[in-house]
Every structure is written in C-alpha cells, then in structure tokens.
Amino acid sequence: MKKIEAVIRPMKFEAVRESLEAIGIASMTVSEVKGRGQQKGVMQQWRGAEYVVDLFPKTKVEVVVPDGRVEEVVDAIAKAARTGQIGDGKIFVLPVERAIRVRTGEEGEEAI
C-alpha cells in the first residue's frame, strides 16, 4: 500500500475530487494548509505599505491505495490539478506499513 499526498491549489480541489471519484477513489483526507515552493514569496501592497507574502494557502489531499493503483491515482491528481503555472503543487508517494479499520479490526488493503 502507498499513501499519496498531494498539495494543490485550493481552487483545483473540486476537480481533483471529481477525478478521483471517477476512478473509484472515494476515501480521502483533506486539509487546508499553507506553504511555498521555489517561488519563495511575492511582494504585495496593502494601504500603501509593501509586504511579502511567503506562505500561500494550499489544499492537502491524502489517499491510501493498493500498490497497483498508484500511477492511476497520481495521473488523475496531476491532470486535474495542473494549470501550467508556478504554484500548481506537489505529489508525494510514501509507503504504508500497516492499515487498520478501527470499527471492524480489518487490516491491510481490506482496511482502506
């Protein structure tokens, strides 16, 4: 099993959710986060004063899938989240050692 973490633009979340549901992935964890990549920040003005915004609002989507579905899920997320501009986000794939469904005690792929 693998955990896929995608940090995306908030405005792209609905497209990513729909894309995942279209391939049969309904279970996910979603968080509002802040972060930055290589762009480091932008200079903005407010009431005549300049300031640097260096942490941008992002949405983090986490899903756990069987090993055989990783590429399909990554492709679905990437296509739905892509705008072609700096700040589109990142996708991380991590190993999952163990999964347990609390309600039933099921383990492994049956728990996801």
PDB file of N, CA and C in Angstrom:
ATOM      1  N   MET A   1       0.841  -1.185   0.000  1.00  0.00           N
ATOM      2  CA  MET A   1       0.000   0.000   0.000  1.00  0.00           C
ATOM      3  C   MET A   1       0.878   1.239   0.000  1.00  0.00           C
ATOM      4  N   LYS A   2       0.331   2.295  -0.578  1.00  0.00           N
ATOM      5  CA  LYS A   2       1.039   3.576  -0.630  1.00  0.00           C
ATOM      6  C   LYS A   2       0.096   4.691  -0.196  1.00  0.00           C
ATOM      7  N   LYS A   3       0.674   5.694   0.440  1.00  0.00           N
ATOM      8  CA  LYS A   3      -0.052   6.915   0.785  1.00  0.00           C
ATOM      9  C   LYS A   3       0.364   7.971  -0.229  1.00  0.00           C
ATOM     10  N   ILE A   4      -0.613   8.579  -0.861  1.00  0.00           N
ATOM     11  CA  ILE A   4      -0.350   9.640  -1.820  1.00  0.00           C
ATOM     12  C   ILE A   4      -0.802  10.944  -1.196  1.00  0.00           C
ATOM     13  N   GLU A   5       0.130  11.874  -1.067  1.00  0.00           N
ATOM     14  CA  GLU A   5      -0.161  13.200  -0.533  1.00  0.00           C
ATOM     15  C   GLU A   5      -0.004  14.199  -1.666  1.00  0.00           C
ATOM     16  N   ALA A   6      -1.052  14.958  -1.920  1.00  0.00           N
ATOM     17  CA  ALA A   6      -0.999  15.976  -2.961  1.00  0.00           C
ATOM     18  C   ALA A   6      -1.277  17.332  -2.324  1.00  0.00           C
ATOM     19  N   VAL A   7      -0.367  18.280  -2.546  1.00  0.00           N
ATOM     20  CA  VAL A   7      -0.550  19.652  -2.093  1.00  0.00           C
ATOM     21  C   VAL A   7      -0.876  20.459  -3.344  1.00  0.00           C
ATOM     22  N   ILE A   8      -2.105  20.974  -3.395  1.00  0.00           N
ATOM     23  CA  ILE A   8      -2.614  21.592  -4.624  1.00  0.00           C
ATOM     24  C   ILE A   8      -3.213  22.968  -4.347  1.00  0.00           C
ATOM     25  N   ARG A   9      -3.529  23.675  -5.420  1.00  0.00           N
ATOM     26  CA  ARG A   9      -4.233  24.953  -5.288  1.00  0.00           C
ATOM     27  C   ARG A   9      -5.649  24.678  -4.772  1.00  0.00           C
ATOM     28  N   PRO A  10      -6.132  25.491  -3.819  1.00  0.00           N
ATOM     29  CA  PRO A  10      -7.492  25.281  -3.304  1.00  0.00           C
ATOM     30  C   PRO A  10      -8.556  25.291  -4.397  1.00  0.00           C
ATOM     31  N   MET A  11      -8.392  26.128  -5.404  1.00  0.00           N
ATOM     32  CA  MET A  11      -9.398  26.223  -6.466  1.00  0.00           C
ATOM     33  C   MET A  11      -9.461  24.966  -7.326  1.00  0.00           C
ATOM     34  N   LYS A  12      -8.473  24.079  -7.221  1.00  0.00           N
ATOM     35  CA  LYS A  12      -8.439  22.854  -8.005  1.00  0.00           C
ATOM     36  C   LYS A  12      -8.955  21.635  -7.234  1.00  0.00           C
ATOM     37  N   PHE A  13      -9.337  21.830  -5.978  1.00  0.00           N
ATOM     38  CA  PHE A  13      -9.755  20.684  -5.167  1.00  0.00           C
ATOM     39  C   PHE A  13     -10.957  19.959  -5.757  1.00  0.00           C
ATOM     40  N   GLU A  14     -11.994  20.675  -6.149  1.00  0.00           N
ATOM     41  CA  GLU A  14     -13.194  20.016  -6.679  1.00  0.00           C
ATOM     42  C   GLU A  14     -12.867  19.189  -7.922  1.00  0.00           C
ATOM     43  N   ALA A  15     -12.021  19.717  -8.786  1.00  0.00           N
ATOM     44  CA  ALA A  15     -11.626  18.970  -9.987  1.00  0.00           C
ATOM     45  C   ALA A  15     -10.868  17.700  -9.601  1.00  0.00           C
ATOM     46  N   VAL A  16      -9.993  17.798  -8.605  1.00  0.00           N
ATOM     47  CA  VAL A  16      -9.238  16.627  -8.151  1.00  0.00           C
ATOM     48  C   VAL A  16     -10.186  15.614  -7.511  1.00  0.00           C
ATOM     49  N   ARG A  17     -11.103  16.067  -6.669  1.00  0.00           N
ATOM     50  CA  ARG A  17     -12.062  15.167  -6.028  1.00  0.00           C
ATOM     51  C   ARG A  17     -12.891  14.422  -7.072  1.00  0.00           C
ATOM     52  N   GLU A  18     -13.399  15.144  -8.053  1.00  0.00           N
ATOM     53  CA  GLU A  18     -14.194  14.521  -9.112  1.00  0.00           C
ATOM     54  C   GLU A  18     -13.369  13.526  -9.927  1.00  0.00           C
ATOM     55  N   SER A  19     -12.120  13.871 -10.190  1.00  0.00           N
ATOM     56  CA  SER A  19     -11.232  12.988 -10.945  1.00  0.00           C
ATOM     57  C   SER A  19     -10.971  11.693 -10.179  1.00  0.00           C
ATOM     58  N   LEU A  20     -10.762  11.799  -8.877  1.00  0.00           N
ATOM     59  CA  LEU A  20     -10.544  10.610  -8.048  1.00  0.00           C
ATOM     60  C   LEU A  20     -11.812   9.763  -7.965  1.00  0.00           C
ATOM     61  N   GLU A  21     -12.951  10.401  -7.782  1.00  0.00           N
ATOM     62  CA  GLU A  21     -14.200   9.644  -7.724  1.00  0.00           C
ATOM     63  C   GLU A  21     -14.480   8.924  -9.044  1.00  0.00           C
ATOM     64  N   ALA A  22     -14.084   9.531 -10.166  1.00  0.00           N
ATOM     65  CA  ALA A  22     -14.296   8.926 -11.479  1.00  0.00           C
ATOM     66  C   ALA A  22     -13.522   7.615 -11.647  1.00  0.00           C
ATOM     67  N   ILE A  23     -12.416   7.471 -10.913  1.00  0.00           N
ATOM     68  CA  ILE A  23     -11.640   6.226 -10.998  1.00  0.00           C
ATOM     69  C   ILE A  23     -11.889   5.324  -9.782  1.00  0.00           C
ATOM     70  N   GLY A  24     -12.912   5.655  -8.986  1.00  0.00           N
ATOM     71  CA  GLY A  24     -13.302   4.791  -7.877  1.00  0.00           C
ATOM     72  C   GLY A  24     -12.619   5.054  -6.557  1.00  0.00           C
ATOM     73  N   ILE A  25     -11.978   6.205  -6.420  1.00  0.00           N
ATOM     74  CA  ILE A  25     -11.329   6.553  -5.154  1.00  0.00           C
ATOM     75  C   ILE A  25     -12.221   7.568  -4.447  1.00  0.00           C
ATOM     76  N   ALA A  26     -12.928   7.108  -3.402  1.00  0.00           N
ATOM     77  CA  ALA A  26     -13.838   7.994  -2.684  1.00  0.00           C
ATOM     78  C   ALA A  26     -13.273   8.405  -1.322  1.00  0.00           C
ATOM     79  N   SER A  27     -12.460   7.556  -0.714  1.00  0.00           N
ATOM     80  CA  SER A  27     -11.918   7.837   0.619  1.00  0.00           C
ATOM     81  C   SER A  27     -10.709   8.753   0.516  1.00  0.00           C
ATOM     82  N   MET A  28     -10.731   9.827   1.278  1.00  0.00           N
ATOM     83  CA  MET A  28      -9.601  10.765   1.283  1.00  0.00           C
ATOM     84  C   MET A  28      -9.645  11.602   2.542  1.00  0.00           C
ATOM     85  N   THR A  29      -8.533  12.174   2.878  1.00  0.00           N
ATOM     86  CA  THR A  29      -8.433  13.149   3.949  1.00  0.00           C
ATOM     87  C   THR A  29      -8.009  14.453   3.307  1.00  0.00           C
ATOM     88  N   VAL A  30      -8.683  15.545   3.673  1.00  0.00           N
ATOM     89  CA  VAL A  30      -8.417  16.847   3.068  1.00  0.00           C
ATOM     90  C   VAL A  30      -8.134  17.852   4.182  1.00  0.00           C
ATOM     91  N   SER A  31      -7.058  18.620   4.013  1.00  0.00           N
ATOM     92  CA  SER A  31      -6.679  19.636   4.994  1.00  0.00           C
ATOM     93  C   SER A  31      -6.373  20.950   4.297  1.00  0.00           C
ATOM     94  N   GLU A  32      -6.685  22.049   4.966  1.00  0.00           N
ATOM     95  CA  GLU A  32      -6.245  23.358   4.491  1.00  0.00           C
ATOM     96  C   GLU A  32      -4.886  23.620   5.112  1.00  0.00           C
ATOM     97  N   VAL A  33      -3.903  23.899   4.269  1.00  0.00           N
ATOM     98  CA  VAL A  33      -2.535  24.110   4.738  1.00  0.00           C
ATOM     99  C   VAL A  33      -1.975  25.384   4.116  1.00  0.00           C
ATOM    100  N   LYS A  34      -0.815  25.794   4.574  1.00  0.00           N
ATOM    101  CA  LYS A  34      -0.084  26.899   3.955  1.00  0.00           C
ATOM    102  C   LYS A  34       1.308  26.404   3.632  1.00  0.00           C
ATOM    103  N   GLY A  35       1.864  26.940   2.551  1.00  0.00           N
ATOM    104  CA  GLY A  35       3.201  26.517   2.187  1.00  0.00           C
ATOM    105  C   GLY A  35       3.744  27.334   1.039  1.00  0.00           C
ATOM    106  N   ARG A  36       4.940  26.967   0.642  1.00  0.00           N
ATOM    107  CA  ARG A  36       5.559  27.616  -0.511  1.00  0.00           C
ATOM    108  C   ARG A  36       6.544  26.650  -1.136  1.00  0.00           C
ATOM    109  N   GLY A  37       6.790  26.896  -2.404  1.00  0.00           N
ATOM    110  CA  GLY A  37       7.770  26.098  -3.124  1.00  0.00           C
ATOM    111  C   GLY A  37       8.936  26.976  -3.494  1.00  0.00           C
ATOM    112  N   GLN A  38       9.413  26.828  -4.707  1.00  0.00           N
ATOM    113  CA  GLN A  38      10.577  27.584  -5.145  1.00  0.00           C
ATOM    114  C   GLN A  38      10.281  29.052  -5.391  1.00  0.00           C
ATOM    115  N   GLN A  39       8.998  29.427  -5.492  1.00  0.00           N
ATOM    116  CA  GLN A  39       8.698  30.826  -5.775  1.00  0.00           C
ATOM    117  C   GLN A  39       9.040  31.737  -4.591  1.00  0.00           C
ATOM    118  N   LYS A  40       9.145  31.197  -3.384  1.00  0.00           N
ATOM    119  CA  LYS A  40       9.599  31.871  -2.168  1.00  0.00           C
ATOM    120  C   LYS A  40       8.687  32.970  -1.654  1.00  0.00           C
ATOM    121  N   GLY A  41       7.921  33.624  -2.446  1.00  0.00           N
ATOM    122  CA  GLY A  41       7.029  34.670  -1.948  1.00  0.00           C
ATOM    123  C   GLY A  41       6.848  35.768  -2.973  1.00  0.00           C
ATOM    124  N   VAL A  42       5.850  36.607  -2.723  1.00  0.00           N
ATOM    125  CA  VAL A  42       5.572  37.715  -3.628  1.00  0.00           C
ATOM    126  C   VAL A  42       5.399  38.997  -2.825  1.00  0.00           C
ATOM    127  N   MET A  43       5.787  40.107  -3.428  1.00  0.00           N
ATOM    128  CA  MET A  43       5.629  41.417  -2.804  1.00  0.00           C
ATOM    129  C   MET A  43       4.226  41.921  -3.113  1.00  0.00           C
ATOM    130  N   GLN A  44       3.512  42.358  -2.080  1.00  0.00           N
ATOM    131  CA  GLN A  44       2.179  42.920  -2.266  1.00  0.00           C
ATOM    132  C   GLN A  44       2.072  44.233  -1.521  1.00  0.00           C
ATOM    133  N   GLN A  45       1.043  44.998  -1.853  1.00  0.00           N
ATOM    134  CA  GLN A  45       0.806  46.268  -1.166  1.00  0.00           C
ATOM    135  C   GLN A  45      -0.569  46.242  -0.523  1.00  0.00           C
ATOM    136  N   TRP A  46      -0.647  46.849   0.649  1.00  0.00           N
ATOM    137  CA  TRP A  46      -1.922  46.993   1.337  1.00  0.00           C
ATOM    138  C   TRP A  46      -1.912  48.344   2.033  1.00  0.00           C
ATOM    139  N   ARG A  47      -2.831  49.199   1.655  1.00  0.00           N
ATOM    140  CA  ARG A  47      -2.925  50.560   2.196  1.00  0.00           C
ATOM    141  C   ARG A  47      -1.606  51.316   2.073  1.00  0.00           C
ATOM    142  N   GLY A  48      -0.960  51.109   0.945  1.00  0.00           N
ATOM    143  CA  GLY A  48       0.267  51.841   0.657  1.00  0.00           C
ATOM    144  C   GLY A  48       1.535  51.227   1.204  1.00  0.00           C
ATOM    145  N   ALA A  49       1.423  50.220   2.060  1.00  0.00           N
ATOM    146  CA  ALA A  49       2.610  49.584   2.635  1.00  0.00           C
ATOM    147  C   ALA A  49       2.912  48.295   1.882  1.00  0.00           C
ATOM    148  N   GLU A  50       4.188  48.050   1.625  1.00  0.00           N
ATOM    149  CA  GLU A  50       4.592  46.823   0.957  1.00  0.00           C
ATOM    150  C   GLU A  50       4.891  45.738   1.984  1.00  0.00           C
ATOM    151  N   TYR A  51       4.540  44.518   1.653  1.00  0.00           N
ATOM    152  CA  TYR A  51       4.870  43.385   2.495  1.00  0.00           C
ATOM    153  C   TYR A  51       5.030  42.144   1.619  1.00  0.00           C
ATOM    154  N   VAL A  52       5.719  41.139   2.158  1.00  0.00           N
ATOM    155  CA  VAL A  52       5.982  39.911   1.413  1.00  0.00           C
ATOM    156  C   VAL A  52       5.048  38.818   1.918  1.00  0.00           C
ATOM    157  N   VAL A  53       4.343  38.185   0.987  1.00  0.00           N
ATOM    158  CA  VAL A  53       3.543  37.010   1.309  1.00  0.00           C
ATOM    159  C   VAL A  53       4.390  35.810   0.916  1.00  0.00           C
ATOM    160  N   ASP A  54       4.820  35.023   1.915  1.00  0.00           N
ATOM    161  CA  ASP A  54       5.702  33.903   1.582  1.00  0.00           C
ATOM    162  C   ASP A  54       5.106  32.538   1.911  1.00  0.00           C
ATOM    163  N   LEU A  55       3.909  32.505   2.470  1.00  0.00           N
ATOM    164  CA  LEU A  55       3.195  31.251   2.665  1.00  0.00           C
ATOM    165  C   LEU A  55       1.828  31.391   2.013  1.00  0.00           C
ATOM    166  N   PHE A  56       1.528  30.491   1.098  1.00  0.00           N
ATOM    167  CA  PHE A  56       0.307  30.578   0.317  1.00  0.00           C
ATOM    168  C   PHE A  56      -0.694  29.512   0.762  1.00  0.00           C
ATOM    169  N   PRO A  57      -1.987  29.811   0.711  1.00  0.00           N
ATOM    170  CA  PRO A  57      -2.978  28.792   1.066  1.00  0.00           C
ATOM    171  C   PRO A  57      -2.961  27.660   0.040  1.00  0.00           C
ATOM    172  N   LYS A  58      -2.975  26.449   0.531  1.00  0.00           N
ATOM    173  CA  LYS A  58      -2.985  25.249  -0.313  1.00  0.00           C
ATOM    174  C   LYS A  58      -3.976  24.258   0.286  1.00  0.00           C
ATOM    175  N   THR A  59      -4.311  23.241  -0.480  1.00  0.00           N
ATOM    176  CA  THR A  59      -5.151  22.142  -0.006  1.00  0.00           C
ATOM    177  C   THR A  59      -4.335  20.866  -0.102  1.00  0.00           C
ATOM    178  N   LYS A  60      -4.338  20.099   0.976  1.00  0.00           N
ATOM    179  CA  LYS A  60      -3.602  18.833   1.002  1.00  0.00           C
ATOM    180  C   LYS A  60      -4.614  17.689   0.950  1.00  0.00           C
ATOM    181  N   VAL A  61      -4.460  16.827  -0.043  1.00  0.00           N
ATOM    182  CA  VAL A  61      -5.333  15.674  -0.224  1.00  0.00           C
ATOM    183  C   VAL A  61      -4.493  14.429   0.027  1.00  0.00           C
ATOM    184  N   GLU A  62      -4.981  13.550   0.907  1.00  0.00           N
ATOM    185  CA  GLU A  62      -4.258  12.331   1.233  1.00  0.00           C
ATOM    186  C   GLU A  62      -5.147  11.128   0.935  1.00  0.00           C
ATOM    187  N   VAL A  63      -4.602  10.154   0.221  1.00  0.00           N
ATOM    188  CA  VAL A  63      -5.312   8.900  -0.059  1.00  0.00           C
ATOM    189  C   VAL A  63      -4.345   7.738   0.126  1.00  0.00           C
ATOM    190  N   VAL A  64      -4.869   6.610   0.568  1.00  0.00           N
ATOM    191  CA  VAL A  64      -4.078   5.380   0.675  1.00  0.00           C
ATOM    192  C   VAL A  64      -4.667   4.392  -0.320  1.00  0.00           C
ATOM    193  N   VAL A  65      -3.791   3.841  -1.168  1.00  0.00           N
ATOM    194  CA  VAL A  65      -4.249   2.950  -2.247  1.00  0.00           C
ATOM    195  C   VAL A  65      -3.353   1.716  -2.328  1.00  0.00           C
ATOM    196  N   PRO A  66      -3.865   0.651  -2.933  1.00  0.00           N
ATOM    197  CA  PRO A  66      -3.013  -0.518  -3.182  1.00  0.00           C
ATOM    198  C   PRO A  66      -1.887  -0.148  -4.149  1.00  0.00           C
ATOM    199  N   ASP A  67      -0.783  -0.852  -4.063  1.00  0.00           N
ATOM    200  CA  ASP A  67       0.378  -0.559  -4.911  1.00  0.00           C
ATOM    201  C   ASP A  67       0.031  -0.489  -6.394  1.00  0.00           C
ATOM    202  N   GLY A  68      -0.858  -1.348  -6.851  1.00  0.00           N
ATOM    203  CA  GLY A  68      -1.197  -1.410  -8.262  1.00  0.00           C
ATOM    204  C   GLY A  68      -1.994  -0.229  -8.798  1.00  0.00           C
ATOM    205  N   ARG A  69      -2.480   0.643  -7.915  1.00  0.00           N
ATOM    206  CA  ARG A  69      -3.284   1.785  -8.357  1.00  0.00           C
ATOM    207  C   ARG A  69      -2.544   3.114  -8.252  1.00  0.00           C
ATOM    208  N   VAL A  70      -1.311   3.089  -7.802  1.00  0.00           N
ATOM    209  CA  VAL A  70      -0.569   4.328  -7.541  1.00  0.00           C
ATOM    210  C   VAL A  70      -0.470   5.213  -8.782  1.00  0.00           C
ATOM    211  N   GLU A  71      -0.009   4.674  -9.894  1.00  0.00           N
ATOM    212  CA  GLU A  71       0.191   5.501 -11.091  1.00  0.00           C
ATOM    213  C   GLU A  71      -1.120   6.089 -11.593  1.00  0.00           C
ATOM    214  N   GLU A  72      -2.187   5.303 -11.563  1.00  0.00           N
ATOM    215  CA  GLU A  72      -3.503   5.775 -11.992  1.00  0.00           C
ATOM    216  C   GLU A  72      -3.975   6.956 -11.135  1.00  0.00           C
ATOM    217  N   VAL A  73      -3.779   6.854  -9.829  1.00  0.00           N
ATOM    218  CA  VAL A  73      -4.202   7.917  -8.908  1.00  0.00           C
ATOM    219  C   VAL A  73      -3.330   9.154  -9.083  1.00  0.00           C
ATOM    220  N   VAL A  74      -2.030   8.962  -9.172  1.00  0.00           N
ATOM    221  CA  VAL A  74      -1.117  10.092  -9.368  1.00  0.00           C
ATOM    222  C   VAL A  74      -1.452  10.827 -10.666  1.00  0.00           C
ATOM    223  N   ASP A  75      -1.687  10.085 -11.737  1.00  0.00           N
ATOM    224  CA  ASP A  75      -2.038  10.705 -13.024  1.00  0.00           C
ATOM    225  C   ASP A  75      -3.348  11.486 -12.924  1.00  0.00           C
ATOM    226  N   ALA A  76      -4.339  10.913 -12.249  1.00  0.00           N
ATOM    227  CA  ALA A  76      -5.631  11.591 -12.109  1.00  0.00           C
ATOM    228  C   ALA A  76      -5.479  12.904 -11.347  1.00  0.00           C
ATOM    229  N   ILE A  77      -4.712  12.879 -10.270  1.00  0.00           N
ATOM    230  CA  ILE A  77      -4.491  14.094  -9.480  1.00  0.00           C
ATOM    231  C   ILE A  77      -3.735  15.130 -10.297  1.00  0.00           C
ATOM    232  N   ALA A  78      -2.648  14.704 -10.928  1.00  0.00           N
ATOM    233  CA  ALA A  78      -1.802  15.638 -11.680  1.00  0.00           C
ATOM    234  C   ALA A  78      -2.578  16.308 -12.807  1.00  0.00           C
ATOM    235  N   LYS A  79      -3.352  15.547 -13.555  1.00  0.00           N
ATOM    236  CA  LYS A  79      -4.112  16.123 -14.665  1.00  0.00           C
ATOM    237  C   LYS A  79      -5.171  17.106 -14.173  1.00  0.00           C
ATOM    238  N   ALA A  80      -5.848  16.766 -13.084  1.00  0.00           N
ATOM    239  CA  ALA A  80      -6.912  17.632 -12.572  1.00  0.00           C
ATOM    240  C   ALA A  80      -6.365  18.889 -11.900  1.00  0.00           C
ATOM    241  N   ALA A  81      -5.172  18.810 -11.304  1.00  0.00           N
ATOM    242  CA  ALA A  81      -4.621  19.939 -10.547  1.00  0.00           C
ATOM    243  C   ALA A  81      -3.767  20.884 -11.393  1.00  0.00           C
ATOM    244  N   ARG A  82      -3.368  20.459 -12.571  1.00  0.00           N
ATOM    245  CA  ARG A  82      -2.413  21.215 -13.384  1.00  0.00           C
ATOM    246  C   ARG A  82      -3.045  22.463 -14.017  1.00  0.00           C
ATOM    247  N   THR A  83      -2.352  23.610 -13.839  1.00  0.00           N
ATOM    248  CA  THR A  83      -2.708  24.837 -14.564  1.00  0.00           C
ATOM    249  C   THR A  83      -1.575  25.239 -15.495  1.00  0.00           C
ATOM    250  N   GLY A  84      -0.378  24.708 -15.230  1.00  0.00           N
ATOM    251  CA  GLY A  84       0.788  25.072 -16.015  1.00  0.00           C
ATOM    252  C   GLY A  84       1.545  26.262 -15.450  1.00  0.00           C
ATOM    253  N   GLN A  85       1.081  26.772 -14.322  1.00  0.00           N
ATOM    254  CA  GLN A  85       1.710  27.940 -13.690  1.00  0.00           C
ATOM    255  C   GLN A  85       2.505  27.509 -12.458  1.00  0.00           C
ATOM    256  N   ILE A  86       3.441  28.354 -12.056  1.00  0.00           N
ATOM    257  CA  ILE A  86       4.179  28.123 -10.814  1.00  0.00           C
ATOM    258  C   ILE A  86       3.170  28.082  -9.672  1.00  0.00           C
ATOM    259  N   GLY A  87       3.336  27.127  -8.762  1.00  0.00           N
ATOM    260  CA  GLY A  87       2.444  27.022  -7.618  1.00  0.00           C
ATOM    261  C   GLY A  87       1.369  25.960  -7.773  1.00  0.00           C
ATOM    262  N   ASP A  88       1.450  25.136  -8.816  1.00  0.00           N
ATOM    263  CA  ASP A  88       0.457  24.075  -9.008  1.00  0.00           C
ATOM    264  C   ASP A  88       0.515  23.026  -7.899  1.00  0.00           C
ATOM    265  N   GLY A  89       1.653  22.852  -7.253  1.00  0.00           N
ATOM    266  CA  GLY A  89       1.738  21.938  -6.121  1.00  0.00           C
ATOM    267  C   GLY A  89       2.693  20.791  -6.334  1.00  0.00           C
ATOM    268  N   LYS A  90       2.578  19.811  -5.437  1.00  0.00           N
ATOM    269  CA  LYS A  90       3.457  18.638  -5.452  1.00  0.00           C
ATOM    270  C   LYS A  90       2.633  17.407  -5.095  1.00  0.00           C
ATOM    271  N   ILE A  91       3.114  16.251  -5.541  1.00  0.00           N
ATOM    272  CA  ILE A  91       2.529  14.967  -5.173  1.00  0.00           C
ATOM    273  C   ILE A  91       3.645  14.112  -4.593  1.00  0.00           C
ATOM    274  N   PHE A  92       3.383  13.518  -3.425  1.00  0.00           N
ATOM    275  CA  PHE A  92       4.356  12.657  -2.752  1.00  0.00           C
ATOM    276  C   PHE A  92       3.759  11.268  -2.609  1.00  0.00           C
ATOM    277  N   VAL A  93       4.569  10.243  -2.820  1.00  0.00           N
ATOM    278  CA  VAL A  93       4.134   8.857  -2.660  1.00  0.00           C
ATOM    279  C   VAL A  93       4.996   8.233  -1.574  1.00  0.00           C
ATOM    280  N   LEU A  94       4.327   7.716  -0.527  1.00  0.00           N
ATOM    281  CA  LEU A  94       5.032   7.147   0.626  1.00  0.00           C
ATOM    282  C   LEU A  94       4.554   5.723   0.896  1.00  0.00           C
ATOM    283  N   PRO A  95       5.428   4.859   1.413  1.00  0.00           N
ATOM    284  CA  PRO A  95       4.985   3.503   1.754  1.00  0.00           C
ATOM    285  C   PRO A  95       4.104   3.518   3.008  1.00  0.00           C
ATOM    286  N   VAL A  96       3.136   2.615   3.042  1.00  0.00           N
ATOM    287  CA  VAL A  96       2.291   2.432   4.227  1.00  0.00           C
ATOM    288  C   VAL A  96       2.585   1.040   4.770  1.00  0.00           C
ATOM    289  N   GLU A  97       3.031   0.989   6.002  1.00  0.00           N
ATOM    290  CA  GLU A  97       3.399  -0.278   6.606  1.00  0.00           C
ATOM    291  C   GLU A  97       2.191  -1.102   7.016  1.00  0.00           C
ATOM    292  N   ARG A  98       1.177  -0.414   7.554  1.00  0.00           N
ATOM    293  CA  ARG A  98       0.037  -1.140   8.097  1.00  0.00           C
ATOM    294  C   ARG A  98      -1.180  -0.229   8.112  1.00  0.00           C
ATOM    295  N   ALA A  99      -2.350  -0.785   7.840  1.00  0.00           N
ATOM    296  CA  ALA A  99      -3.609  -0.043   7.929  1.00  0.00           C
ATOM    297  C   ALA A  99      -4.610  -0.906   8.691  1.00  0.00           C
ATOM    298  N   ILE A 100      -5.321  -0.283   9.631  1.00  0.00           N
ATOM    299  CA  ILE A 100      -6.311  -0.987  10.436  1.00  0.00           C
ATOM    300  C   ILE A 100      -7.600  -0.180  10.445  1.00  0.00           C
ATOM    301  N   ARG A 101      -8.720  -0.803  10.105  1.00  0.00           N
ATOM    302  CA  ARG A 101     -10.025  -0.145  10.218  1.00  0.00           C
ATOM    303  C   ARG A 101     -10.461  -0.282  11.670  1.00  0.00           C
ATOM    304  N   VAL A 102     -10.631   0.828  12.344  1.00  0.00           N
ATOM    305  CA  VAL A 102     -10.942   0.833  13.772  1.00  0.00           C
ATOM    306  C   VAL A 102     -12.259   0.110  14.060  1.00  0.00           C
ATOM    307  N   ARG A 103     -13.287   0.373  13.270  1.00  0.00           N
ATOM    308  CA  ARG A 103     -14.621  -0.186  13.529  1.00  0.00           C
ATOM    309  C   ARG A 103     -14.638  -1.709  13.506  1.00  0.00           C
ATOM    310  N   THR A 104     -13.951  -2.323  12.538  1.00  0.00           N
ATOM    311  CA  THR A 104     -14.051  -3.783  12.355  1.00  0.00           C
ATOM    312  C   THR A 104     -12.783  -4.539  12.709  1.00  0.00           C
ATOM    313  N   GLY A 105     -11.669  -3.859  12.804  1.00  0.00           N
ATOM    314  CA  GLY A 105     -10.414  -4.533  13.058  1.00  0.00           C
ATOM    315  C   GLY A 105      -9.762  -5.094  11.812  1.00  0.00           C
ATOM    316  N   GLU A 106     -10.369  -4.885  10.624  1.00  0.00           N
ATOM    317  CA  GLU A 106      -9.779  -5.350   9.372  1.00  0.00           C
ATOM    318  C   GLU A 106      -8.407  -4.708   9.186  1.00  0.00           C
ATOM    319  N   GLU A 107      -7.519  -5.450   8.545  1.00  0.00           N
ATOM    320  CA  GLU A 107      -6.171  -4.938   8.299  1.00  0.00           C
ATOM    321  C   GLU A 107      -5.802  -5.050   6.841  1.00  0.00           C
ATOM    322  N   GLY A 108      -4.762  -4.286   6.479  1.00  0.00           N
ATOM    323  CA  GLY A 108      -4.233  -4.334   5.125  1.00  0.00           C
ATOM    324  C   GLY A 108      -5.134  -3.634   4.124  1.00  0.00           C
ATOM    325  N   GLU A 109      -5.151  -4.133   2.892  1.00  0.00           N
ATOM    326  CA  GLU A 109      -5.928  -3.493   1.825  1.00  0.00           C
ATOM    327  C   GLU A 109      -7.430  -3.521   2.121  1.00  0.00           C
ATOM    328  N   GLU A 110      -7.905  -4.499   2.897  1.00  0.00           N
ATOM    329  CA  GLU A 110      -9.327  -4.529   3.254  1.00  0.00           C
ATOM    330  C   GLU A 110      -9.704  -3.339   4.133  1.00  0.00           C
ATOM    331  N   ALA A 111      -8.725  -2.760   4.815  1.00  0.00           N
ATOM    332  CA  ALA A 111      -8.986  -1.629   5.718  1.00  0.00           C
ATOM    333  C   ALA A 111      -9.012  -0.302   4.992  1.00  0.00           C
ATOM    334  N   ILE A 112      -8.542  -0.258   3.739  1.00  0.00           N
ATOM    335  CA  ILE A 112      -8.534   1.007   3.044  1.00  0.00           C
ATOM    336  C   ILE A 112      -9.731   1.076   2.134  1.00  0.00           C
TER     337      ILE A 112
END
